[in-house]
Structures are given as structure tokens and as C-alpha cells.
Amino acid sequence: MLEARDLYCERDERTLFSGLSFTVDAGEWVQVTGGNGAGKTTLLRLLTGLARPDGGEVYWQGEPLRRVRDSFHSGLLWIGHQPGIKTR
């Protein structure tokens, strides 16, 4: 189970989200939508431990993600929207 509790994130003095809380159970799918710059990628980075929220906490199987980050990352595959190979 993945849980977000009271997440807060601010970028460039703009609040992307505040008080965001939800739970995703095993086998459950979630769709994240929003306009350009709305915070979709930032939210995914927070939920995977690739970035830290300005407030609140992310939990993986009941434990704070920051405490179980290594074991969580051993089963994580991140495919971002930017090309992985850069031209010279």
C-alpha cells in the first residue's frame, strides 16, 4: 500500500498542492492528470522518493518512505518523459 498524508509542495513560490492525502492499494490504478506545470511529475517524484515534499509524508506498506527507501527502490522502475540518451 502506498499512502500520501497531507503532502505539500511549493515550486518557485507557487503552491502545487497542499493537504494532499490518498491511499493506493495493491492492484489499484491511479490516473494523474493536469495541465503543463500542474505538478504531475513532481507528485510522481515525491511518491517514488526521488524528491522530498515540503510538508507531509509518503508511506510504503505503513512505513515512512524515507526509512525504507532502499528496499522500495530495489523494486522501482522509473520511465520519465525525457529522452534517456542525450546527443552531443
PDB file of N, CA and C in Angstrom:
ATOM      1  N   MET A   1       0.837  -1.177   0.000  1.00  0.00           N
ATOM      2  CA  MET A   1       0.000   0.000   0.000  1.00  0.00           C
ATOM      3  C   MET A   1       0.889   1.249   0.000  1.00  0.00           C
ATOM      4  N   LEU A   2       0.549   2.185  -0.839  1.00  0.00           N
ATOM      5  CA  LEU A   2       1.222   3.477  -0.914  1.00  0.00           C
ATOM      6  C   LEU A   2       0.263   4.521  -0.362  1.00  0.00           C
ATOM      7  N   GLU A   3       0.765   5.345   0.535  1.00  0.00           N
ATOM      8  CA  GLU A   3      -0.099   6.346   1.150  1.00  0.00           C
ATOM      9  C   GLU A   3       0.584   7.706   1.162  1.00  0.00           C
ATOM     10  N   ALA A   4      -0.152   8.718   0.800  1.00  0.00           N
ATOM     11  CA  ALA A   4       0.296  10.106   0.906  1.00  0.00           C
ATOM     12  C   ALA A   4      -0.523  10.752   2.014  1.00  0.00           C
ATOM     13  N   ARG A   5       0.175  11.398   2.945  1.00  0.00           N
ATOM     14  CA  ARG A   5      -0.516  12.067   4.049  1.00  0.00           C
ATOM     15  C   ARG A   5      -0.145  13.545   4.081  1.00  0.00           C
ATOM     16  N   ASP A   6      -1.142  14.365   3.811  1.00  0.00           N
ATOM     17  CA  ASP A   6      -1.015  15.815   3.953  1.00  0.00           C
ATOM     18  C   ASP A   6       0.187  16.389   3.182  1.00  0.00           C
ATOM     19  N   LEU A   7       0.396  15.916   1.936  1.00  0.00           N
ATOM     20  CA  LEU A   7       1.532  16.391   1.149  1.00  0.00           C
ATOM     21  C   LEU A   7       1.374  17.859   0.784  1.00  0.00           C
ATOM     22  N   TYR A   8       2.483  18.556   0.859  1.00  0.00           N
ATOM     23  CA  TYR A   8       2.547  19.959   0.487  1.00  0.00           C
ATOM     24  C   TYR A   8       3.766  20.141  -0.397  1.00  0.00           C
ATOM     25  N   CYS A   9       3.603  20.847  -1.499  1.00  0.00           N
ATOM     26  CA  CYS A   9       4.725  21.091  -2.392  1.00  0.00           C
ATOM     27  C   CYS A   9       4.612  22.480  -2.990  1.00  0.00           C
ATOM     28  N   GLU A  10       5.724  23.186  -2.945  1.00  0.00           N
ATOM     29  CA  GLU A  10       5.789  24.542  -3.482  1.00  0.00           C
ATOM     30  C   GLU A  10       6.986  24.626  -4.420  1.00  0.00           C
ATOM     31  N   ARG A  11       6.803  25.248  -5.570  1.00  0.00           N
ATOM     32  CA  ARG A  11       7.886  25.462  -6.527  1.00  0.00           C
ATOM     33  C   ARG A  11       7.828  26.916  -6.989  1.00  0.00           C
ATOM     34  N   ASP A  12       8.976  27.573  -6.919  1.00  0.00           N
ATOM     35  CA  ASP A  12       9.064  28.971  -7.358  1.00  0.00           C
ATOM     36  C   ASP A  12       7.975  29.839  -6.722  1.00  0.00           C
ATOM     37  N   GLU A  13       7.823  29.700  -5.418  1.00  0.00           N
ATOM     38  CA  GLU A  13       6.850  30.476  -4.634  1.00  0.00           C
ATOM     39  C   GLU A  13       5.405  30.243  -5.066  1.00  0.00           C
ATOM     40  N   ARG A  14       5.147  29.102  -5.706  1.00  0.00           N
ATOM     41  CA  ARG A  14       3.787  28.739  -6.128  1.00  0.00           C
ATOM     42  C   ARG A  14       3.440  27.391  -5.511  1.00  0.00           C
ATOM     43  N   THR A  15       2.304  27.309  -4.843  1.00  0.00           N
ATOM     44  CA  THR A  15       1.867  26.056  -4.242  1.00  0.00           C
ATOM     45  C   THR A  15       1.303  25.150  -5.325  1.00  0.00           C
ATOM     46  N   LEU A  16       1.925  23.965  -5.494  1.00  0.00           N
ATOM     47  CA  LEU A  16       1.430  22.983  -6.462  1.00  0.00           C
ATOM     48  C   LEU A  16       0.284  22.181  -5.866  1.00  0.00           C
ATOM     49  N   PHE A  17       0.448  21.767  -4.607  1.00  0.00           N
ATOM     50  CA  PHE A  17      -0.630  21.100  -3.889  1.00  0.00           C
ATOM     51  C   PHE A  17      -0.385  21.227  -2.400  1.00  0.00           C
ATOM     52  N   SER A  18      -1.482  21.167  -1.653  1.00  0.00           N
ATOM     53  CA  SER A  18      -1.440  21.339  -0.209  1.00  0.00           C
ATOM     54  C   SER A  18      -2.498  20.440   0.417  1.00  0.00           C
ATOM     55  N   GLY A  19      -2.126  19.726   1.483  1.00  0.00           N
ATOM     56  CA  GLY A  19      -3.077  18.858   2.170  1.00  0.00           C
ATOM     57  C   GLY A  19      -3.508  17.660   1.345  1.00  0.00           C
ATOM     58  N   LEU A  20      -2.664  17.225   0.408  1.00  0.00           N
ATOM     59  CA  LEU A  20      -2.999  16.105  -0.477  1.00  0.00           C
ATOM     60  C   LEU A  20      -2.810  14.783   0.262  1.00  0.00           C
ATOM     61  N   SER A  21      -3.885  14.031   0.405  1.00  0.00           N
ATOM     62  CA  SER A  21      -3.850  12.738   1.094  1.00  0.00           C
ATOM     63  C   SER A  21      -4.642  11.716   0.294  1.00  0.00           C
ATOM     64  N   PHE A  22      -4.078  10.521   0.143  1.00  0.00           N
ATOM     65  CA  PHE A  22      -4.771   9.423  -0.536  1.00  0.00           C
ATOM     66  C   PHE A  22      -4.022   8.123  -0.282  1.00  0.00           C
ATOM     67  N   THR A  23      -4.676   7.019  -0.585  1.00  0.00           N
ATOM     68  CA  THR A  23      -4.097   5.685  -0.443  1.00  0.00           C
ATOM     69  C   THR A  23      -4.280   4.939  -1.756  1.00  0.00           C
ATOM     70  N   VAL A  24      -3.248   4.195  -2.157  1.00  0.00           N
ATOM     71  CA  VAL A  24      -3.321   3.337  -3.338  1.00  0.00           C
ATOM     72  C   VAL A  24      -3.023   1.918  -2.871  1.00  0.00           C
ATOM     73  N   ASP A  25      -4.007   1.044  -2.992  1.00  0.00           N
ATOM     74  CA  ASP A  25      -3.843  -0.348  -2.578  1.00  0.00           C
ATOM     75  C   ASP A  25      -3.228  -1.174  -3.698  1.00  0.00           C
ATOM     76  N   ALA A  26      -2.675  -2.329  -3.354  1.00  0.00           N
ATOM     77  CA  ALA A  26      -2.089  -3.247  -4.335  1.00  0.00           C
ATOM     78  C   ALA A  26      -3.114  -3.562  -5.417  1.00  0.00           C
ATOM     79  N   GLY A  27      -2.675  -3.505  -6.667  1.00  0.00           N
ATOM     80  CA  GLY A  27      -3.543  -3.808  -7.789  1.00  0.00           C
ATOM     81  C   GLY A  27      -4.409  -2.655  -8.254  1.00  0.00           C
ATOM     82  N   GLU A  28      -4.392  -1.563  -7.519  1.00  0.00           N
ATOM     83  CA  GLU A  28      -5.210  -0.402  -7.865  1.00  0.00           C
ATOM     84  C   GLU A  28      -4.447   0.504  -8.835  1.00  0.00           C
ATOM     85  N   TRP A  29      -5.154   1.087  -9.776  1.00  0.00           N
ATOM     86  CA  TRP A  29      -4.566   2.001 -10.752  1.00  0.00           C
ATOM     87  C   TRP A  29      -4.993   3.424 -10.428  1.00  0.00           C
ATOM     88  N   VAL A  30      -4.088   4.368 -10.696  1.00  0.00           N
ATOM     89  CA  VAL A  30      -4.379   5.780 -10.469  1.00  0.00           C
ATOM     90  C   VAL A  30      -3.977   6.562 -11.715  1.00  0.00           C
ATOM     91  N   GLN A  31      -4.818   7.476 -12.123  1.00  0.00           N
ATOM     92  CA  GLN A  31      -4.500   8.355 -13.248  1.00  0.00           C
ATOM     93  C   GLN A  31      -4.272   9.756 -12.708  1.00  0.00           C
ATOM     94  N   VAL A  32      -3.132  10.335 -13.045  1.00  0.00           N
ATOM     95  CA  VAL A  32      -2.798  11.694 -12.622  1.00  0.00           C
ATOM     96  C   VAL A  32      -2.894  12.592 -13.852  1.00  0.00           C
ATOM     97  N   THR A  33      -3.779  13.570 -13.803  1.00  0.00           N
ATOM     98  CA  THR A  33      -3.965  14.469 -14.944  1.00  0.00           C
ATOM     99  C   THR A  33      -3.813  15.917 -14.507  1.00  0.00           C
ATOM    100  N   GLY A  34      -3.495  16.757 -15.448  1.00  0.00           N
ATOM    101  CA  GLY A  34      -3.374  18.180 -15.174  1.00  0.00           C
ATOM    102  C   GLY A  34      -2.625  18.856 -16.297  1.00  0.00           C
ATOM    103  N   GLY A  35      -2.715  20.141 -16.351  1.00  0.00           N
ATOM    104  CA  GLY A  35      -2.043  20.914 -17.381  1.00  0.00           C
ATOM    105  C   GLY A  35      -0.537  20.955 -17.186  1.00  0.00           C
ATOM    106  N   ASN A  36       0.143  21.512 -18.165  1.00  0.00           N
ATOM    107  CA  ASN A  36       1.586  21.674 -18.106  1.00  0.00           C
ATOM    108  C   ASN A  36       1.952  22.522 -16.885  1.00  0.00           C
ATOM    109  N   GLY A  37       2.873  22.010 -16.057  1.00  0.00           N
ATOM    110  CA  GLY A  37       3.299  22.744 -14.870  1.00  0.00           C
ATOM    111  C   GLY A  37       2.405  22.576 -13.660  1.00  0.00           C
ATOM    112  N   ALA A  38       1.425  21.689 -13.738  1.00  0.00           N
ATOM    113  CA  ALA A  38       0.484  21.499 -12.626  1.00  0.00           C
ATOM    114  C   ALA A  38       1.088  20.727 -11.457  1.00  0.00           C
ATOM    115  N   GLY A  39       2.189  19.997 -11.705  1.00  0.00           N
ATOM    116  CA  GLY A  39       2.832  19.242 -10.631  1.00  0.00           C
ATOM    117  C   GLY A  39       2.716  17.736 -10.759  1.00  0.00           C
ATOM    118  N   LYS A  40       2.331  17.220 -11.915  1.00  0.00           N
ATOM    119  CA  LYS A  40       2.165  15.767 -12.104  1.00  0.00           C
ATOM    120  C   LYS A  40       3.483  15.025 -11.905  1.00  0.00           C
ATOM    121  N   THR A  41       4.521  15.456 -12.604  1.00  0.00           N
ATOM    122  CA  THR A  41       5.826  14.801 -12.484  1.00  0.00           C
ATOM    123  C   THR A  41       6.390  14.996 -11.089  1.00  0.00           C
ATOM    124  N   THR A  42       6.211  16.170 -10.524  1.00  0.00           N
ATOM    125  CA  THR A  42       6.669  16.423  -9.155  1.00  0.00           C
ATOM    126  C   THR A  42       5.990  15.471  -8.184  1.00  0.00           C
ATOM    127  N   LEU A  43       4.691  15.271  -8.320  1.00  0.00           N
ATOM    128  CA  LEU A  43       3.975  14.340  -7.452  1.00  0.00           C
ATOM    129  C   LEU A  43       4.543  12.931  -7.592  1.00  0.00           C
ATOM    130  N   LEU A  44       4.775  12.482  -8.813  1.00  0.00           N
ATOM    131  CA  LEU A  44       5.333  11.139  -9.012  1.00  0.00           C
ATOM    132  C   LEU A  44       6.726  11.026  -8.411  1.00  0.00           C
ATOM    133  N   ARG A  45       7.530  12.069  -8.520  1.00  0.00           N
ATOM    134  CA  ARG A  45       8.862  12.057  -7.908  1.00  0.00           C
ATOM    135  C   ARG A  45       8.762  11.971  -6.380  1.00  0.00           C
ATOM    136  N   LEU A  46       7.791  12.653  -5.796  1.00  0.00           N
ATOM    137  CA  LEU A  46       7.585  12.580  -4.343  1.00  0.00           C
ATOM    138  C   LEU A  46       7.138  11.183  -3.931  1.00  0.00           C
ATOM    139  N   LEU A  47       6.226  10.592  -4.704  1.00  0.00           N
ATOM    140  CA  LEU A  47       5.684   9.270  -4.368  1.00  0.00           C
ATOM    141  C   LEU A  47       6.701   8.156  -4.534  1.00  0.00           C
ATOM    142  N   THR A  48       7.755   8.407  -5.303  1.00  0.00           N
ATOM    143  CA  THR A  48       8.785   7.390  -5.506  1.00  0.00           C
ATOM    144  C   THR A  48      10.036   7.659  -4.681  1.00  0.00           C
ATOM    145  N   GLY A  49      10.036   8.733  -3.916  1.00  0.00           N
ATOM    146  CA  GLY A  49      11.192   9.041  -3.087  1.00  0.00           C
ATOM    147  C   GLY A  49      12.329   9.685  -3.849  1.00  0.00           C
ATOM    148  N   LEU A  50      12.096  10.085  -5.086  1.00  0.00           N
ATOM    149  CA  LEU A  50      13.128  10.757  -5.870  1.00  0.00           C
ATOM    150  C   LEU A  50      13.213  12.239  -5.525  1.00  0.00           C
ATOM    151  N   ALA A  51      12.251  12.731  -4.765  1.00  0.00           N
ATOM    152  CA  ALA A  51      12.246  14.103  -4.250  1.00  0.00           C
ATOM    153  C   ALA A  51      11.509  14.077  -2.911  1.00  0.00           C
ATOM    154  N   ARG A  52      11.736  15.096  -2.116  1.00  0.00           N
ATOM    155  CA  ARG A  52      11.066  15.187  -0.809  1.00  0.00           C
ATOM    156  C   ARG A  52      10.008  16.284  -0.824  1.00  0.00           C
ATOM    157  N   PRO A  53       8.874  16.007  -0.185  1.00  0.00           N
ATOM    158  CA  PRO A  53       7.836  17.043  -0.124  1.00  0.00           C
ATOM    159  C   PRO A  53       8.253  18.169   0.820  1.00  0.00           C
ATOM    160  N   ASP A  54       7.678  19.328   0.628  1.00  0.00           N
ATOM    161  CA  ASP A  54       7.918  20.450   1.540  1.00  0.00           C
ATOM    162  C   ASP A  54       7.157  20.260   2.845  1.00  0.00           C
ATOM    163  N   GLY A  55       6.198  19.358   2.840  1.00  0.00           N
ATOM    164  CA  GLY A  55       5.432  19.028   4.031  1.00  0.00           C
ATOM    165  C   GLY A  55       4.699  17.724   3.810  1.00  0.00           C
ATOM    166  N   GLY A  56       4.329  17.075   4.885  1.00  0.00           N
ATOM    167  CA  GLY A  56       3.632  15.801   4.789  1.00  0.00           C
ATOM    168  C   GLY A  56       4.595  14.637   4.652  1.00  0.00           C
ATOM    169  N   GLU A  57       4.039  13.473   4.382  1.00  0.00           N
ATOM    170  CA  GLU A  57       4.850  12.244   4.357  1.00  0.00           C
ATOM    171  C   GLU A  57       4.249  11.243   3.386  1.00  0.00           C
ATOM    172  N   VAL A  58       5.129  10.451   2.767  1.00  0.00           N
ATOM    173  CA  VAL A  58       4.723   9.334   1.915  1.00  0.00           C
ATOM    174  C   VAL A  58       5.062   8.053   2.664  1.00  0.00           C
ATOM    175  N   TYR A  59       4.131   7.103   2.663  1.00  0.00           N
ATOM    176  CA  TYR A  59       4.324   5.828   3.356  1.00  0.00           C
ATOM    177  C   TYR A  59       4.247   4.679   2.362  1.00  0.00           C
ATOM    178  N   TRP A  60       5.117   3.699   2.548  1.00  0.00           N
ATOM    179  CA  TRP A  60       5.100   2.472   1.761  1.00  0.00           C
ATOM    180  C   TRP A  60       4.889   1.304   2.723  1.00  0.00           C
ATOM    181  N   GLN A  61       3.797   0.614   2.559  1.00  0.00           N
ATOM    182  CA  GLN A  61       3.432  -0.523   3.409  1.00  0.00           C
ATOM    183  C   GLN A  61       3.478  -0.152   4.889  1.00  0.00           C
ATOM    184  N   GLY A  62       2.966   1.051   5.189  1.00  0.00           N
ATOM    185  CA  GLY A  62       2.845   1.510   6.566  1.00  0.00           C
ATOM    186  C   GLY A  62       4.076   2.163   7.153  1.00  0.00           C
ATOM    187  N   GLU A  63       5.188   2.170   6.423  1.00  0.00           N
ATOM    188  CA  GLU A  63       6.433   2.769   6.914  1.00  0.00           C
ATOM    189  C   GLU A  63       6.730   4.047   6.136  1.00  0.00           C
ATOM    190  N   PRO A  64       7.294   5.052   6.808  1.00  0.00           N
ATOM    191  CA  PRO A  64       7.683   6.251   6.071  1.00  0.00           C
ATOM    192  C   PRO A  64       8.654   5.883   4.942  1.00  0.00           C
ATOM    193  N   LEU A  65       8.394   6.364   3.749  1.00  0.00           N
ATOM    194  CA  LEU A  65       9.217   6.019   2.594  1.00  0.00           C
ATOM    195  C   LEU A  65      10.677   6.380   2.811  1.00  0.00           C
ATOM    196  N   ARG A  66      10.948   7.465   3.515  1.00  0.00           N
ATOM    197  CA  ARG A  66      12.337   7.874   3.759  1.00  0.00           C
ATOM    198  C   ARG A  66      13.106   6.828   4.565  1.00  0.00           C
ATOM    199  N   ARG A  67      12.406   5.990   5.333  1.00  0.00           N
ATOM    200  CA  ARG A  67      13.060   4.944   6.139  1.00  0.00           C
ATOM    201  C   ARG A  67      13.263   3.642   5.375  1.00  0.00           C
ATOM    202  N   VAL A  68      12.423   3.389   4.367  1.00  0.00           N
ATOM    203  CA  VAL A  68      12.505   2.124   3.615  1.00  0.00           C
ATOM    204  C   VAL A  68      12.868   2.382   2.153  1.00  0.00           C
ATOM    205  N   ARG A  69      13.469   3.517   1.913  1.00  0.00           N
ATOM    206  CA  ARG A  69      13.764   3.957   0.550  1.00  0.00           C
ATOM    207  C   ARG A  69      14.581   2.943  -0.246  1.00  0.00           C
ATOM    208  N   ASP A  70      15.639   2.398   0.331  1.00  0.00           N
ATOM    209  CA  ASP A  70      16.493   1.460  -0.406  1.00  0.00           C
ATOM    210  C   ASP A  70      15.733   0.221  -0.851  1.00  0.00           C
ATOM    211  N   SER A  71      14.969  -0.387   0.044  1.00  0.00           N
ATOM    212  CA  SER A  71      14.210  -1.585  -0.337  1.00  0.00           C
ATOM    213  C   SER A  71      13.097  -1.230  -1.321  1.00  0.00           C
ATOM    214  N   PHE A  72      12.481  -0.067  -1.168  1.00  0.00           N
ATOM    215  CA  PHE A  72      11.452   0.392  -2.101  1.00  0.00           C
ATOM    216  C   PHE A  72      12.051   0.583  -3.489  1.00  0.00           C
ATOM    217  N   HIS A  73      13.209   1.217  -3.556  1.00  0.00           N
ATOM    218  CA  HIS A  73      13.847   1.488  -4.849  1.00  0.00           C
ATOM    219  C   HIS A  73      14.331   0.221  -5.539  1.00  0.00           C
ATOM    220  N   SER A  74      14.591  -0.841  -4.792  1.00  0.00           N
ATOM    221  CA  SER A  74      15.049  -2.085  -5.430  1.00  0.00           C
ATOM    222  C   SER A  74      13.972  -2.688  -6.327  1.00  0.00           C
ATOM    223  N   GLY A  75      12.712  -2.321  -6.127  1.00  0.00           N
ATOM    224  CA  GLY A  75      11.629  -2.829  -6.958  1.00  0.00           C
ATOM    225  C   GLY A  75      10.982  -1.760  -7.819  1.00  0.00           C
ATOM    226  N   LEU A  76      11.669  -0.634  -7.998  1.00  0.00           N
ATOM    227  CA  LEU A  76      11.096   0.506  -8.709  1.00  0.00           C
ATOM    228  C   LEU A  76      11.693   0.645 -10.102  1.00  0.00           C
ATOM    229  N   LEU A  77      10.848   0.912 -11.068  1.00  0.00           N
ATOM    230  CA  LEU A  77      11.293   1.239 -12.424  1.00  0.00           C
ATOM    231  C   LEU A  77      10.705   2.596 -12.770  1.00  0.00           C
ATOM    232  N   TRP A  78      11.557   3.558 -13.061  1.00  0.00           N
ATOM    233  CA  TRP A  78      11.106   4.906 -13.407  1.00  0.00           C
ATOM    234  C   TRP A  78      11.351   5.128 -14.889  1.00  0.00           C
ATOM    235  N   ILE A  79      10.296   5.430 -15.615  1.00  0.00           N
ATOM    236  CA  ILE A  79      10.416   5.782 -17.026  1.00  0.00           C
ATOM    237  C   ILE A  79       9.877   7.198 -17.154  1.00  0.00           C
ATOM    238  N   GLY A  80      10.767   8.146 -17.258  1.00  0.00           N
ATOM    239  CA  GLY A  80      10.368   9.545 -17.347  1.00  0.00           C
ATOM    240  C   GLY A  80       9.982   9.937 -18.758  1.00  0.00           C
ATOM    241  N   HIS A  81       9.568  11.172 -18.923  1.00  0.00           N
ATOM    242  CA  HIS A  81       9.142  11.643 -20.234  1.00  0.00           C
ATOM    243  C   HIS A  81      10.262  12.305 -21.024  1.00  0.00           C
ATOM    244  N   GLN A  82      11.451  12.382 -20.451  1.00  0.00           N
ATOM    245  CA  GLN A  82      12.596  12.943 -21.151  1.00  0.00           C
ATOM    246  C   GLN A  82      13.428  11.813 -21.752  1.00  0.00           C
ATOM    247  N   PRO A  83      14.065  12.032 -22.914  1.00  0.00           N
ATOM    248  CA  PRO A  83      14.924  11.001 -23.503  1.00  0.00           C
ATOM    249  C   PRO A  83      16.038  10.614 -22.534  1.00  0.00           C
ATOM    250  N   GLY A  84      16.346   9.325 -22.468  1.00  0.00           N
ATOM    251  CA  GLY A  84      17.387   8.835 -21.568  1.00  0.00           C
ATOM    252  C   GLY A  84      18.785   8.989 -22.124  1.00  0.00           C
ATOM    253  N   ILE A  85      18.914   9.132 -23.436  1.00  0.00           N
ATOM    254  CA  ILE A  85      20.219   9.279 -24.080  1.00  0.00           C
ATOM    255  C   ILE A  85      20.275  10.658 -24.716  1.00  0.00           C
ATOM    256  N   LYS A  86      21.301  11.391 -24.367  1.00  0.00           N
ATOM    257  CA  LYS A  86      21.430  12.750 -24.896  1.00  0.00           C
ATOM    258  C   LYS A  86      22.429  12.774 -26.047  1.00  0.00           C
ATOM    259  N   THR A  87      22.138  13.565 -27.065  1.00  0.00           N
ATOM    260  CA  THR A  87      23.076  13.739 -28.165  1.00  0.00           C
ATOM    261  C   THR A  87      24.141  14.726 -27.745  1.00  0.00           C
ATOM    262  N   ARG A  88      25.277  14.642 -28.392  1.00  0.00           N
ATOM    263  CA  ARG A  88      26.386  15.545 -28.051  1.00  0.00           C
ATOM    264  C   ARG A  88      26.253  16.869 -28.715  1.00  0.00           C
TER     265      ARG A  88
END
